[in-house]
């Protein structure tokens, strides 16, 4: 089974939630803390459910999300 790692750059996120709206597996939520700009940035709330579709990264207008496929044994 393939596993994926989402990397969020909270300093770039403006909290628009577009990534959250397109995630088919409900992987993305919004952080409770705010970033330097005063926004609640996106974060992974269910990392294990990520299927690597990249919809969130493609939708993000600020390039704040990257997705990597993990090799066996990586975490």
PDB file of N, CA and C in Angstrom:
ATOM      1  N   UNK A   1       0.836  -1.184   0.000  1.00  0.00           N
ATOM      2  CA  UNK A   1       0.000   0.000   0.000  1.00  0.00           C
ATOM      3  C   UNK A   1       0.884   1.252   0.000  1.00  0.00           C
ATOM      4  N   UNK A   2       0.577   2.198  -0.844  1.00  0.00           N
ATOM      5  CA  UNK A   2       1.351   3.426  -0.923  1.00  0.00           C
ATOM      6  C   UNK A   2       0.934   4.379   0.193  1.00  0.00           C
ATOM      7  N   UNK A   3       1.906   5.080   0.729  1.00  0.00           N
ATOM      8  CA  UNK A   3       1.641   6.076   1.766  1.00  0.00           C
ATOM      9  C   UNK A   3       2.203   7.418   1.298  1.00  0.00           C
ATOM     10  N   UNK A   4       1.561   8.485   1.752  1.00  0.00           N
ATOM     11  CA  UNK A   4       1.938   9.823   1.323  1.00  0.00           C
ATOM     12  C   UNK A   4       2.130  10.741   2.520  1.00  0.00           C
ATOM     13  N   UNK A   5       2.966  11.733   2.351  1.00  0.00           N
ATOM     14  CA  UNK A   5       3.240  12.720   3.397  1.00  0.00           C
ATOM     15  C   UNK A   5       2.880  14.088   2.857  1.00  0.00           C
ATOM     16  N   UNK A   6       2.011  14.784   3.568  1.00  0.00           N
ATOM     17  CA  UNK A   6       1.667  16.152   3.210  1.00  0.00           C
ATOM     18  C   UNK A   6       2.553  17.103   3.983  1.00  0.00           C
ATOM     19  N   UNK A   7       3.096  18.064   3.289  1.00  0.00           N
ATOM     20  CA  UNK A   7       3.912  19.100   3.907  1.00  0.00           C
ATOM     21  C   UNK A   7       3.194  20.426   3.699  1.00  0.00           C
ATOM     22  N   UNK A   8       2.887  21.081   4.799  1.00  0.00           N
ATOM     23  CA  UNK A   8       2.214  22.379   4.745  1.00  0.00           C
ATOM     24  C   UNK A   8       3.201  23.473   5.110  1.00  0.00           C
ATOM     25  N   UNK A   9       3.118  24.577   4.429  1.00  0.00           N
ATOM     26  CA  UNK A   9       3.931  25.750   4.744  1.00  0.00           C
ATOM     27  C   UNK A   9       2.978  26.792   5.332  1.00  0.00           C
ATOM     28  N   UNK A  10       2.758  26.722   6.647  1.00  0.00           N
ATOM     29  CA  UNK A  10       1.745  27.564   7.279  1.00  0.00           C
ATOM     30  C   UNK A  10       1.974  29.058   7.087  1.00  0.00           C
ATOM     31  N   UNK A  11       3.228  29.463   6.907  1.00  0.00           N
ATOM     32  CA  UNK A  11       3.511  30.891   6.731  1.00  0.00           C
ATOM     33  C   UNK A  11       2.984  31.417   5.395  1.00  0.00           C
ATOM     34  N   UNK A  12       2.741  30.510   4.430  1.00  0.00           N
ATOM     35  CA  UNK A  12       2.221  30.912   3.125  1.00  0.00           C
ATOM     36  C   UNK A  12       0.695  30.823   3.047  1.00  0.00           C
ATOM     37  N   UNK A  13       0.074  30.111   3.981  1.00  0.00           N
ATOM     38  CA  UNK A  13      -1.365  29.837   3.931  1.00  0.00           C
ATOM     39  C   UNK A  13      -2.178  31.044   4.384  1.00  0.00           C
ATOM     40  N   UNK A  14      -3.249  31.338   3.635  1.00  0.00           N
ATOM     41  CA  UNK A  14      -4.137  32.433   4.015  1.00  0.00           C
ATOM     42  C   UNK A  14      -5.484  31.915   4.517  1.00  0.00           C
ATOM     43  N   UNK A  15      -5.568  30.618   4.776  1.00  0.00           N
ATOM     44  CA  UNK A  15      -6.768  30.044   5.379  1.00  0.00           C
ATOM     45  C   UNK A  15      -8.000  30.056   4.503  1.00  0.00           C
ATOM     46  N   UNK A  16      -7.849  30.006   3.205  1.00  0.00           N
ATOM     47  CA  UNK A  16      -9.005  30.074   2.297  1.00  0.00           C
ATOM     48  C   UNK A  16      -9.837  28.792   2.286  1.00  0.00           C
ATOM     49  N   UNK A  17      -9.260  27.692   2.733  1.00  0.00           N
ATOM     50  CA  UNK A  17      -9.911  26.383   2.828  1.00  0.00           C
ATOM     51  C   UNK A  17     -10.245  25.751   1.479  1.00  0.00           C
ATOM     52  N   UNK A  18      -9.692  26.253   0.384  1.00  0.00           N
ATOM     53  CA  UNK A  18      -9.928  25.625  -0.914  1.00  0.00           C
ATOM     54  C   UNK A  18      -9.384  24.201  -0.928  1.00  0.00           C
ATOM     55  N   UNK A  19      -8.224  23.996  -0.315  1.00  0.00           N
ATOM     56  CA  UNK A  19      -7.634  22.653  -0.256  1.00  0.00           C
ATOM     57  C   UNK A  19      -8.560  21.694   0.479  1.00  0.00           C
ATOM     58  N   UNK A  20      -9.111  22.160   1.544  1.00  0.00           N
ATOM     59  CA  UNK A  20     -10.020  21.343   2.360  1.00  0.00           C
ATOM     60  C   UNK A  20     -11.271  20.951   1.566  1.00  0.00           C
ATOM     61  N   UNK A  21     -11.759  21.870   0.754  1.00  0.00           N
ATOM     62  CA  UNK A  21     -12.989  21.616   0.005  1.00  0.00           C
ATOM     63  C   UNK A  21     -12.824  20.567  -1.094  1.00  0.00           C
ATOM     64  N   UNK A  22     -11.591  20.369  -1.582  1.00  0.00           N
ATOM     65  CA  UNK A  22     -11.386  19.413  -2.678  1.00  0.00           C
ATOM     66  C   UNK A  22     -10.816  18.070  -2.230  1.00  0.00           C
ATOM     67  N   UNK A  23     -10.470  17.941  -0.967  1.00  0.00           N
ATOM     68  CA  UNK A  23      -9.891  16.678  -0.484  1.00  0.00           C
ATOM     69  C   UNK A  23     -10.975  15.602  -0.407  1.00  0.00           C
ATOM     70  N   UNK A  24     -10.833  14.522  -1.194  1.00  0.00           N
ATOM     71  CA  UNK A  24     -11.874  13.489  -1.205  1.00  0.00           C
ATOM     72  C   UNK A  24     -11.884  12.603   0.041  1.00  0.00           C
ATOM     73  N   UNK A  25     -10.840  12.668   0.847  1.00  0.00           N
ATOM     74  CA  UNK A  25     -10.731  11.784   2.005  1.00  0.00           C
ATOM     75  C   UNK A  25     -10.798  12.507   3.348  1.00  0.00           C
ATOM     76  N   UNK A  26     -11.027  13.803   3.354  1.00  0.00           N
ATOM     77  CA  UNK A  26     -11.123  14.545   4.605  1.00  0.00           C
ATOM     78  C   UNK A  26      -9.825  14.605   5.383  1.00  0.00           C
ATOM     79  N   UNK A  27      -8.724  14.666   4.676  1.00  0.00           N
ATOM     80  CA  UNK A  27      -7.403  14.662   5.299  1.00  0.00           C
ATOM     81  C   UNK A  27      -7.061  16.026   5.909  1.00  0.00           C
ATOM     82  N   UNK A  28      -7.604  17.084   5.344  1.00  0.00           N
ATOM     83  CA  UNK A  28      -7.181  18.438   5.709  1.00  0.00           C
ATOM     84  C   UNK A  28      -8.170  19.127   6.640  1.00  0.00           C
ATOM     85  N   UNK A  29      -7.605  19.780   7.642  1.00  0.00           N
ATOM     86  CA  UNK A  29      -8.378  20.608   8.555  1.00  0.00           C
ATOM     87  C   UNK A  29      -7.668  21.941   8.701  1.00  0.00           C
ATOM     88  N   UNK A  30      -8.142  22.743   9.613  1.00  0.00           N
ATOM     89  CA  UNK A  30      -7.531  24.042   9.854  1.00  0.00           C
ATOM     90  C   UNK A  30      -6.940  24.044  11.258  1.00  0.00           C
ATOM     91  N   UNK A  31      -5.724  24.555  11.370  1.00  0.00           N
ATOM     92  CA  UNK A  31      -5.023  24.591  12.659  1.00  0.00           C
ATOM     93  C   UNK A  31      -5.739  25.526  13.630  1.00  0.00           C
ATOM     94  N   UNK A  32      -5.638  25.232  14.901  1.00  0.00           N
ATOM     95  CA  UNK A  32      -6.264  26.088  15.913  1.00  0.00           C
ATOM     96  C   UNK A  32      -5.445  27.355  16.150  1.00  0.00           C
ATOM     97  N   UNK A  33      -4.122  27.278  15.961  1.00  0.00           N
ATOM     98  CA  UNK A  33      -3.280  28.456  16.122  1.00  0.00           C
ATOM     99  C   UNK A  33      -3.278  29.270  14.830  1.00  0.00           C
ATOM    100  N   UNK A  34      -2.903  30.524  14.931  1.00  0.00           N
ATOM    101  CA  UNK A  34      -2.842  31.382  13.754  1.00  0.00           C
ATOM    102  C   UNK A  34      -1.387  31.557  13.319  1.00  0.00           C
ATOM    103  N   UNK A  35      -1.204  31.840  12.038  1.00  0.00           N
ATOM    104  CA  UNK A  35       0.145  32.094  11.527  1.00  0.00           C
ATOM    105  C   UNK A  35       0.477  33.578  11.693  1.00  0.00           C
ATOM    106  N   UNK A  36       1.623  34.013  11.214  1.00  0.00           N
ATOM    107  CA  UNK A  36       2.074  35.399  11.371  1.00  0.00           C
ATOM    108  C   UNK A  36       1.139  36.398  10.690  1.00  0.00           C
ATOM    109  N   UNK A  37       0.392  35.919   9.699  1.00  0.00           N
ATOM    110  CA  UNK A  37      -0.548  36.801   8.996  1.00  0.00           C
ATOM    111  C   UNK A  37      -1.910  36.869   9.684  1.00  0.00           C
ATOM    112  N   UNK A  38      -2.087  36.050  10.714  1.00  0.00           N
ATOM    113  CA  UNK A  38      -3.351  36.048  11.448  1.00  0.00           C
ATOM    114  C   UNK A  38      -4.392  35.068  10.931  1.00  0.00           C
ATOM    115  N   UNK A  39      -3.976  34.137  10.082  1.00  0.00           N
ATOM    116  CA  UNK A  39      -4.885  33.140   9.517  1.00  0.00           C
ATOM    117  C   UNK A  39      -4.702  31.797  10.212  1.00  0.00           C
ATOM    118  N   UNK A  40      -5.758  31.008  10.215  1.00  0.00           N
ATOM    119  CA  UNK A  40      -5.676  29.617  10.664  1.00  0.00           C
ATOM    120  C   UNK A  40      -5.226  28.803   9.449  1.00  0.00           C
ATOM    121  N   UNK A  41      -3.994  28.319   9.431  1.00  0.00           N
ATOM    122  CA  UNK A  41      -3.501  27.606   8.250  1.00  0.00           C
ATOM    123  C   UNK A  41      -4.027  26.167   8.171  1.00  0.00           C
ATOM    124  N   UNK A  42      -3.992  25.644   6.965  1.00  0.00           N
ATOM    125  CA  UNK A  42      -4.383  24.257   6.733  1.00  0.00           C
ATOM    126  C   UNK A  42      -3.354  23.323   7.370  1.00  0.00           C
ATOM    127  N   UNK A  43      -3.832  22.148   7.757  1.00  0.00           N
ATOM    128  CA  UNK A  43      -2.955  21.128   8.333  1.00  0.00           C
ATOM    129  C   UNK A  43      -3.589  19.761   8.084  1.00  0.00           C
ATOM    130  N   UNK A  44      -2.806  18.718   8.253  1.00  0.00           N
ATOM    131  CA  UNK A  44      -3.323  17.355   8.093  1.00  0.00           C
ATOM    132  C   UNK A  44      -3.956  16.908   9.407  1.00  0.00           C
ATOM    133  N   UNK A  45      -5.206  16.465   9.326  1.00  0.00           N
ATOM    134  CA  UNK A  45      -5.880  15.942  10.511  1.00  0.00           C
ATOM    135  C   UNK A  45      -6.060  14.429  10.433  1.00  0.00           C
ATOM    136  N   UNK A  46      -5.823  13.874   9.240  1.00  0.00           N
ATOM    137  CA  UNK A  46      -5.977  12.440   9.030  1.00  0.00           C
ATOM    138  C   UNK A  46      -4.972  11.994   7.963  1.00  0.00           C
ATOM    139  N   UNK A  47      -3.699  12.207   8.245  1.00  0.00           N
ATOM    140  CA  UNK A  47      -2.608  11.957   7.298  1.00  0.00           C
ATOM    141  C   UNK A  47      -2.674  10.560   6.675  1.00  0.00           C
ATOM    142  N   UNK A  48      -3.025   9.559   7.455  1.00  0.00           N
ATOM    143  CA  UNK A  48      -3.026   8.171   6.991  1.00  0.00           C
ATOM    144  C   UNK A  48      -4.017   7.932   5.855  1.00  0.00           C
ATOM    145  N   UNK A  49      -5.036   8.766   5.751  1.00  0.00           N
ATOM    146  CA  UNK A  49      -6.065   8.581   4.729  1.00  0.00           C
ATOM    147  C   UNK A  49      -5.682   9.181   3.376  1.00  0.00           C
ATOM    148  N   UNK A  50      -4.581   9.910   3.308  1.00  0.00           N
ATOM    149  CA  UNK A  50      -4.174  10.569   2.062  1.00  0.00           C
ATOM    150  C   UNK A  50      -3.909   9.533   0.967  1.00  0.00           C
ATOM    151  N   UNK A  51      -4.517   9.766  -0.205  1.00  0.00           N
ATOM    152  CA  UNK A  51      -4.342   8.863  -1.347  1.00  0.00           C
ATOM    153  C   UNK A  51      -3.386   9.445  -2.398  1.00  0.00           C
ATOM    154  N   UNK A  52      -2.833  10.615  -2.114  1.00  0.00           N
ATOM    155  CA  UNK A  52      -1.851  11.213  -3.020  1.00  0.00           C
ATOM    156  C   UNK A  52      -2.433  11.790  -4.291  1.00  0.00           C
ATOM    157  N   UNK A  53      -3.683  12.163  -4.288  1.00  0.00           N
ATOM    158  CA  UNK A  53      -4.328  12.671  -5.504  1.00  0.00           C
ATOM    159  C   UNK A  53      -3.821  14.061  -5.905  1.00  0.00           C
ATOM    160  N   UNK A  54      -3.242  14.780  -4.976  1.00  0.00           N
ATOM    161  CA  UNK A  54      -2.670  16.112  -5.180  1.00  0.00           C
ATOM    162  C   UNK A  54      -3.701  17.200  -5.462  1.00  0.00           C
ATOM    163  N   UNK A  55      -4.974  16.904  -5.247  1.00  0.00           N
ATOM    164  CA  UNK A  55      -6.011  17.915  -5.473  1.00  0.00           C
ATOM    165  C   UNK A  55      -5.779  19.142  -4.611  1.00  0.00           C
ATOM    166  N   UNK A  56      -5.382  18.934  -3.376  1.00  0.00           N
ATOM    167  CA  UNK A  56      -5.166  20.056  -2.467  1.00  0.00           C
ATOM    168  C   UNK A  56      -4.016  20.939  -2.940  1.00  0.00           C
ATOM    169  N   UNK A  57      -2.913  20.325  -3.331  1.00  0.00           N
ATOM    170  CA  UNK A  57      -1.752  21.082  -3.777  1.00  0.00           C
ATOM    171  C   UNK A  57      -2.042  21.846  -5.069  1.00  0.00           C
ATOM    172  N   UNK A  58      -2.799  21.233  -5.959  1.00  0.00           N
ATOM    173  CA  UNK A  58      -3.149  21.888  -7.214  1.00  0.00           C
ATOM    174  C   UNK A  58      -4.119  23.042  -6.984  1.00  0.00           C
ATOM    175  N   UNK A  59      -5.000  22.913  -6.017  1.00  0.00           N
ATOM    176  CA  UNK A  59      -6.003  23.939  -5.734  1.00  0.00           C
ATOM    177  C   UNK A  59      -5.424  25.123  -4.973  1.00  0.00           C
ATOM    178  N   UNK A  60      -4.373  24.909  -4.202  1.00  0.00           N
ATOM    179  CA  UNK A  60      -3.817  25.958  -3.342  1.00  0.00           C
ATOM    180  C   UNK A  60      -3.273  27.125  -4.178  1.00  0.00           C
ATOM    181  N   UNK A  61      -3.852  28.316  -4.026  1.00  0.00           N
ATOM    182  CA  UNK A  61      -3.393  29.455  -4.819  1.00  0.00           C
ATOM    183  C   UNK A  61      -2.042  30.004  -4.359  1.00  0.00           C
ATOM    184  N   UNK A  62      -1.589  29.583  -3.188  1.00  0.00           N
ATOM    185  CA  UNK A  62      -0.351  30.123  -2.640  1.00  0.00           C
ATOM    186  C   UNK A  62       0.806  29.130  -2.626  1.00  0.00           C
ATOM    187  N   UNK A  63       0.605  27.938  -3.159  1.00  0.00           N
ATOM    188  CA  UNK A  63       1.671  26.939  -3.199  1.00  0.00           C
ATOM    189  C   UNK A  63       2.144  26.526  -1.817  1.00  0.00           C
ATOM    190  N   UNK A  64       1.205  26.421  -0.885  1.00  0.00           N
ATOM    191  CA  UNK A  64       1.557  26.129   0.510  1.00  0.00           C
ATOM    192  C   UNK A  64       1.551  24.638   0.841  1.00  0.00           C
ATOM    193  N   UNK A  65       1.265  23.783  -0.143  1.00  0.00           N
ATOM    194  CA  UNK A  65       1.148  22.347   0.121  1.00  0.00           C
ATOM    195  C   UNK A  65       2.004  21.555  -0.855  1.00  0.00           C
ATOM    196  N   UNK A  66       2.717  20.582  -0.332  1.00  0.00           N
ATOM    197  CA  UNK A  66       3.476  19.633  -1.161  1.00  0.00           C
ATOM    198  C   UNK A  66       3.135  18.229  -0.672  1.00  0.00           C
ATOM    199  N   UNK A  67       3.136  17.281  -1.598  1.00  0.00           N
ATOM    200  CA  UNK A  67       2.829  15.891  -1.268  1.00  0.00           C
ATOM    201  C   UNK A  67       3.960  15.012  -1.768  1.00  0.00           C
ATOM    202  N   UNK A  68       4.413  14.129  -0.897  1.00  0.00           N
ATOM    203  CA  UNK A  68       5.484  13.204  -1.242  1.00  0.00           C
ATOM    204  C   UNK A  68       5.041  11.781  -0.992  1.00  0.00           C
ATOM    205  N   UNK A  69       5.396  10.894  -1.909  1.00  0.00           N
ATOM    206  CA  UNK A  69       5.144   9.486  -1.693  1.00  0.00           C
ATOM    207  C   UNK A  69       6.247   8.937  -0.820  1.00  0.00           C
ATOM    208  N   UNK A  70       5.875   8.232   0.223  1.00  0.00           N
ATOM    209  CA  UNK A  70       6.851   7.656   1.136  1.00  0.00           C
ATOM    210  C   UNK A  70       7.337   6.313   0.615  1.00  0.00           C
ATOM    211  N   UNK A  71       8.601   6.053   0.805  1.00  0.00           N
ATOM    212  CA  UNK A  71       9.155   4.751   0.483  1.00  0.00           C
ATOM    213  C   UNK A  71       8.842   3.818   1.654  1.00  0.00           C
ATOM    214  N   UNK A  72       8.862   2.550   1.394  1.00  0.00           N
ATOM    215  CA  UNK A  72       8.577   1.587   2.450  1.00  0.00           C
ATOM    216  C   UNK A  72       9.547   1.801   3.616  1.00  0.00           C
ATOM    217  N   UNK A  73       9.016   1.923   4.807  1.00  0.00           N
ATOM    218  CA  UNK A  73       9.825   2.157   5.985  1.00  0.00           C
ATOM    219  C   UNK A  73       9.944   3.613   6.386  1.00  0.00           C
ATOM    220  N   UNK A  74       9.615   4.544   5.471  1.00  0.00           N
ATOM    221  CA  UNK A  74       9.630   5.969   5.795  1.00  0.00           C
ATOM    222  C   UNK A  74       8.393   6.333   6.606  1.00  0.00           C
ATOM    223  N   UNK A  75       8.513   7.461   7.312  1.00  0.00           N
ATOM    224  CA  UNK A  75       7.334   7.957   8.036  1.00  0.00           C
ATOM    225  C   UNK A  75       7.192   9.411   7.874  1.00  0.00           C
TER     226      UNK A  75
END
